[in-house]
């Protein structure tokens, strides 16, 4: 639950290492996604959620999608997941 303190440059922006970290996506069946180290949340509704990750864009499509919780480190998405796509 408690993440590591993020490294910052002197100008307040994240360091190169922070910007290029990998994200982790764990899918439990077709009803739950746990995502760690995502970049930012884009558009979302009950049928589509877009996450802007550090190297790509992640598009989750399904039915009755719901963001159960999110922090700056991780999030949980529930609902009926039909597809997960990664786009450059």
N, C-alpha and C. Protein backbone atom coordinates (compact mmCIF):
# COMPACT_ATOMS: atom_id res chain seq x y z
N UNK A 1 0.82 -1.19 0.00
CA UNK A 1 0.00 0.00 0.00
C UNK A 1 0.86 1.26 0.00
N UNK A 2 1.93 1.23 0.76
CA UNK A 2 2.80 2.39 0.80
C UNK A 2 3.91 2.21 -0.21
N UNK A 3 4.01 3.12 -1.17
CA UNK A 3 5.01 3.01 -2.22
C UNK A 3 6.30 3.68 -1.83
N UNK A 4 7.30 3.44 -2.65
CA UNK A 4 8.57 4.11 -2.44
C UNK A 4 8.43 5.58 -2.76
N UNK A 5 9.22 6.37 -2.12
CA UNK A 5 9.22 7.80 -2.42
C UNK A 5 9.80 8.01 -3.81
N UNK A 6 9.13 8.78 -4.61
CA UNK A 6 9.57 9.00 -5.98
C UNK A 6 10.80 9.90 -6.02
N UNK A 7 11.72 9.51 -6.92
CA UNK A 7 12.92 10.32 -7.10
C UNK A 7 12.57 11.57 -7.90
N UNK A 8 13.11 12.70 -7.50
CA UNK A 8 12.84 13.95 -8.21
C UNK A 8 14.15 14.65 -8.53
N UNK A 9 14.15 15.34 -9.67
CA UNK A 9 15.28 16.19 -10.01
C UNK A 9 15.15 17.48 -9.22
N UNK A 10 16.15 18.31 -9.33
CA UNK A 10 16.13 19.59 -8.63
C UNK A 10 14.98 20.47 -9.09
N UNK A 11 14.57 20.37 -10.35
CA UNK A 11 13.51 21.23 -10.87
C UNK A 11 12.11 20.70 -10.54
N UNK A 12 12.01 19.62 -9.76
CA UNK A 12 10.72 19.11 -9.33
C UNK A 12 10.10 18.07 -10.26
N UNK A 13 10.71 17.83 -11.43
CA UNK A 13 10.18 16.84 -12.36
C UNK A 13 10.73 15.46 -12.01
N UNK A 14 9.99 14.39 -12.36
CA UNK A 14 10.50 13.04 -12.10
C UNK A 14 11.80 12.80 -12.85
N UNK A 15 12.68 11.98 -12.29
CA UNK A 15 13.95 11.66 -12.92
C UNK A 15 13.73 10.74 -14.12
N UNK A 16 14.77 10.54 -14.92
CA UNK A 16 14.70 9.64 -16.07
C UNK A 16 14.29 8.25 -15.63
N UNK A 17 14.87 7.79 -14.54
CA UNK A 17 14.56 6.46 -14.01
C UNK A 17 13.08 6.36 -13.65
N UNK A 18 12.53 7.37 -13.06
CA UNK A 18 11.12 7.40 -12.67
C UNK A 18 10.22 7.38 -13.90
N UNK A 19 10.56 8.11 -14.94
CA UNK A 19 9.74 8.18 -16.15
C UNK A 19 9.77 6.91 -16.97
N UNK A 20 10.78 6.06 -16.82
CA UNK A 20 10.93 4.89 -17.66
C UNK A 20 10.76 3.59 -16.88
N UNK A 21 10.05 3.62 -15.80
CA UNK A 21 9.81 2.39 -15.05
C UNK A 21 8.70 1.58 -15.72
N UNK A 22 8.73 0.29 -15.51
CA UNK A 22 7.74 -0.60 -16.11
C UNK A 22 6.48 -0.63 -15.26
N UNK A 23 5.35 -0.82 -15.92
CA UNK A 23 4.11 -0.98 -15.17
C UNK A 23 3.77 -2.46 -15.11
N UNK A 24 2.96 -2.84 -14.13
CA UNK A 24 2.56 -4.22 -13.92
C UNK A 24 1.05 -4.30 -14.03
N UNK A 25 0.57 -5.24 -14.84
CA UNK A 25 -0.86 -5.43 -15.02
C UNK A 25 -1.19 -6.88 -14.68
N UNK A 26 -2.02 -7.08 -13.65
CA UNK A 26 -2.42 -8.41 -13.23
C UNK A 26 -3.91 -8.56 -13.46
N UNK A 27 -4.28 -9.57 -14.22
CA UNK A 27 -5.69 -9.80 -14.51
C UNK A 27 -6.16 -11.04 -13.78
N UNK A 28 -7.22 -10.90 -12.99
CA UNK A 28 -7.80 -12.01 -12.25
C UNK A 28 -9.10 -12.41 -12.95
N UNK A 29 -9.04 -13.44 -13.79
CA UNK A 29 -10.20 -13.84 -14.58
C UNK A 29 -10.53 -12.75 -15.59
N UNK A 30 -11.82 -12.57 -15.84
CA UNK A 30 -12.25 -11.50 -16.76
C UNK A 30 -12.95 -10.39 -16.01
N UNK A 31 -12.89 -10.40 -14.69
CA UNK A 31 -13.65 -9.45 -13.88
C UNK A 31 -12.81 -8.44 -13.10
N UNK A 32 -11.48 -8.57 -13.11
CA UNK A 32 -10.68 -7.65 -12.30
C UNK A 32 -9.29 -7.45 -12.89
N UNK A 33 -8.86 -6.20 -12.93
CA UNK A 33 -7.50 -5.83 -13.34
C UNK A 33 -6.86 -5.04 -12.22
N UNK A 34 -5.64 -5.37 -11.87
CA UNK A 34 -4.85 -4.62 -10.91
C UNK A 34 -3.67 -4.05 -11.68
N UNK A 35 -3.51 -2.74 -11.69
CA UNK A 35 -2.46 -2.10 -12.48
C UNK A 35 -1.58 -1.27 -11.55
N UNK A 36 -0.27 -1.48 -11.64
CA UNK A 36 0.69 -0.74 -10.82
C UNK A 36 1.62 0.06 -11.72
N UNK A 37 2.04 1.20 -11.26
CA UNK A 37 2.99 2.08 -11.95
C UNK A 37 2.48 2.60 -13.29
N UNK A 38 1.19 2.83 -13.39
CA UNK A 38 0.65 3.43 -14.61
C UNK A 38 1.01 4.92 -14.61
N UNK A 39 0.93 5.54 -15.74
CA UNK A 39 1.29 6.96 -15.83
C UNK A 39 0.16 7.86 -15.38
N UNK A 40 -0.89 7.95 -16.19
CA UNK A 40 -2.03 8.80 -15.84
C UNK A 40 -3.32 8.23 -16.43
N UNK A 41 -4.42 8.64 -15.86
CA UNK A 41 -5.73 8.20 -16.31
C UNK A 41 -6.21 9.13 -17.41
N UNK A 42 -6.63 8.55 -18.52
CA UNK A 42 -7.17 9.32 -19.64
C UNK A 42 -8.68 9.29 -19.60
N UNK A 43 -9.29 9.09 -20.75
CA UNK A 43 -10.74 9.01 -20.84
C UNK A 43 -11.24 7.73 -20.19
N UNK A 44 -12.45 7.79 -19.64
CA UNK A 44 -13.03 6.58 -19.09
C UNK A 44 -14.55 6.69 -19.05
N UNK A 45 -15.19 5.55 -19.24
CA UNK A 45 -16.63 5.40 -19.04
C UNK A 45 -16.88 3.93 -18.74
N UNK A 46 -18.13 3.49 -18.76
CA UNK A 46 -18.44 2.11 -18.39
C UNK A 46 -18.01 1.07 -19.43
N UNK A 47 -17.64 1.53 -20.62
CA UNK A 47 -17.25 0.59 -21.68
C UNK A 47 -15.79 0.70 -22.10
N UNK A 48 -15.10 1.76 -21.69
CA UNK A 48 -13.72 1.95 -22.13
C UNK A 48 -12.95 2.79 -21.12
N UNK A 49 -11.74 2.34 -20.79
CA UNK A 49 -10.84 3.09 -19.90
C UNK A 49 -9.50 3.20 -20.60
N UNK A 50 -8.95 4.40 -20.67
CA UNK A 50 -7.66 4.65 -21.31
C UNK A 50 -6.66 5.10 -20.25
N UNK A 51 -5.52 4.41 -20.19
CA UNK A 51 -4.43 4.78 -19.29
C UNK A 51 -3.22 5.16 -20.13
N UNK A 52 -2.59 6.25 -19.78
CA UNK A 52 -1.37 6.68 -20.46
C UNK A 52 -0.20 6.20 -19.62
N UNK A 53 0.41 5.11 -20.07
CA UNK A 53 1.54 4.53 -19.36
C UNK A 53 2.81 5.20 -19.86
N UNK A 54 3.95 4.84 -19.32
CA UNK A 54 5.19 5.54 -19.63
C UNK A 54 5.70 5.29 -21.04
N UNK A 55 5.46 4.10 -21.58
CA UNK A 55 5.94 3.79 -22.93
C UNK A 55 4.82 3.60 -23.94
N UNK A 56 3.57 3.53 -23.49
CA UNK A 56 2.47 3.24 -24.39
C UNK A 56 1.14 3.73 -23.79
N UNK A 57 0.09 3.48 -24.53
CA UNK A 57 -1.26 3.77 -24.06
C UNK A 57 -1.96 2.42 -23.89
N UNK A 58 -2.66 2.25 -22.77
CA UNK A 58 -3.36 1.00 -22.49
C UNK A 58 -4.86 1.27 -22.59
N UNK A 59 -5.55 0.50 -23.43
CA UNK A 59 -6.99 0.68 -23.64
C UNK A 59 -7.70 -0.58 -23.16
N UNK A 60 -8.58 -0.43 -22.18
CA UNK A 60 -9.34 -1.53 -21.62
C UNK A 60 -10.79 -1.36 -22.07
N UNK A 61 -11.35 -2.38 -22.70
CA UNK A 61 -12.73 -2.32 -23.16
C UNK A 61 -13.53 -3.44 -22.53
N UNK A 62 -14.80 -3.15 -22.24
CA UNK A 62 -15.65 -4.16 -21.63
C UNK A 62 -17.02 -3.61 -21.31
N UNK A 63 -17.67 -4.24 -20.35
CA UNK A 63 -19.01 -3.84 -19.90
C UNK A 63 -18.97 -3.52 -18.41
N UNK A 64 -19.71 -2.52 -18.04
CA UNK A 64 -19.83 -2.10 -16.63
C UNK A 64 -18.48 -1.96 -15.95
N UNK A 65 -17.51 -1.36 -16.65
CA UNK A 65 -16.19 -1.14 -16.08
C UNK A 65 -16.27 -0.08 -14.99
N UNK A 66 -15.56 -0.32 -13.92
CA UNK A 66 -15.58 0.59 -12.77
C UNK A 66 -14.17 0.67 -12.19
N UNK A 67 -13.71 1.86 -11.93
CA UNK A 67 -12.43 2.04 -11.25
C UNK A 67 -12.73 1.98 -9.75
N UNK A 68 -12.42 0.86 -9.13
CA UNK A 68 -12.73 0.66 -7.71
C UNK A 68 -11.95 1.64 -6.84
N UNK A 69 -10.68 1.81 -7.15
CA UNK A 69 -9.86 2.81 -6.46
C UNK A 69 -8.65 3.11 -7.33
N UNK A 70 -8.04 4.26 -7.10
CA UNK A 70 -6.77 4.56 -7.74
C UNK A 70 -5.99 5.52 -6.87
N UNK A 71 -4.68 5.33 -6.91
CA UNK A 71 -3.74 6.23 -6.25
C UNK A 71 -2.73 6.63 -7.32
N UNK A 72 -1.70 7.35 -6.96
CA UNK A 72 -0.68 7.70 -7.94
C UNK A 72 0.21 6.50 -8.27
N UNK A 73 0.03 5.39 -7.57
CA UNK A 73 0.86 4.21 -7.78
C UNK A 73 0.09 3.05 -8.41
N UNK A 74 -1.13 2.81 -7.96
CA UNK A 74 -1.86 1.65 -8.48
C UNK A 74 -3.36 1.91 -8.59
N UNK A 75 -4.05 0.98 -9.27
CA UNK A 75 -5.50 1.09 -9.41
C UNK A 75 -6.09 -0.30 -9.62
N UNK A 76 -7.38 -0.43 -9.30
CA UNK A 76 -8.11 -1.66 -9.55
C UNK A 76 -9.33 -1.34 -10.39
N UNK A 77 -9.49 -2.11 -11.47
CA UNK A 77 -10.63 -1.96 -12.37
C UNK A 77 -11.44 -3.25 -12.30
N UNK A 78 -12.75 -3.12 -12.11
CA UNK A 78 -13.63 -4.28 -12.09
C UNK A 78 -14.68 -4.14 -13.18
N UNK A 79 -15.35 -5.22 -13.49
CA UNK A 79 -16.36 -5.26 -14.54
C UNK A 79 -16.06 -6.44 -15.45
N UNK A 80 -16.74 -6.52 -16.55
CA UNK A 80 -16.50 -7.60 -17.51
C UNK A 80 -15.52 -7.09 -18.57
N UNK A 81 -14.28 -7.54 -18.49
CA UNK A 81 -13.23 -7.08 -19.40
C UNK A 81 -13.28 -7.92 -20.68
N UNK A 82 -13.42 -7.25 -21.81
CA UNK A 82 -13.43 -7.93 -23.12
C UNK A 82 -12.05 -7.91 -23.76
N UNK A 83 -11.34 -6.78 -23.64
CA UNK A 83 -10.02 -6.70 -24.27
C UNK A 83 -9.13 -5.69 -23.56
N UNK A 84 -7.83 -5.95 -23.66
CA UNK A 84 -6.80 -5.03 -23.17
C UNK A 84 -5.84 -4.84 -24.35
N UNK A 85 -5.68 -3.59 -24.80
CA UNK A 85 -4.81 -3.29 -25.93
C UNK A 85 -3.71 -2.32 -25.51
N UNK A 86 -2.56 -2.51 -26.09
CA UNK A 86 -1.43 -1.62 -25.85
C UNK A 86 -1.10 -0.93 -27.17
N UNK A 87 -1.07 0.39 -27.16
CA UNK A 87 -0.80 1.17 -28.37
C UNK A 87 0.38 2.10 -28.12
N UNK A 88 1.18 2.32 -29.15
CA UNK A 88 2.31 3.25 -29.05
C UNK A 88 1.83 4.66 -29.15
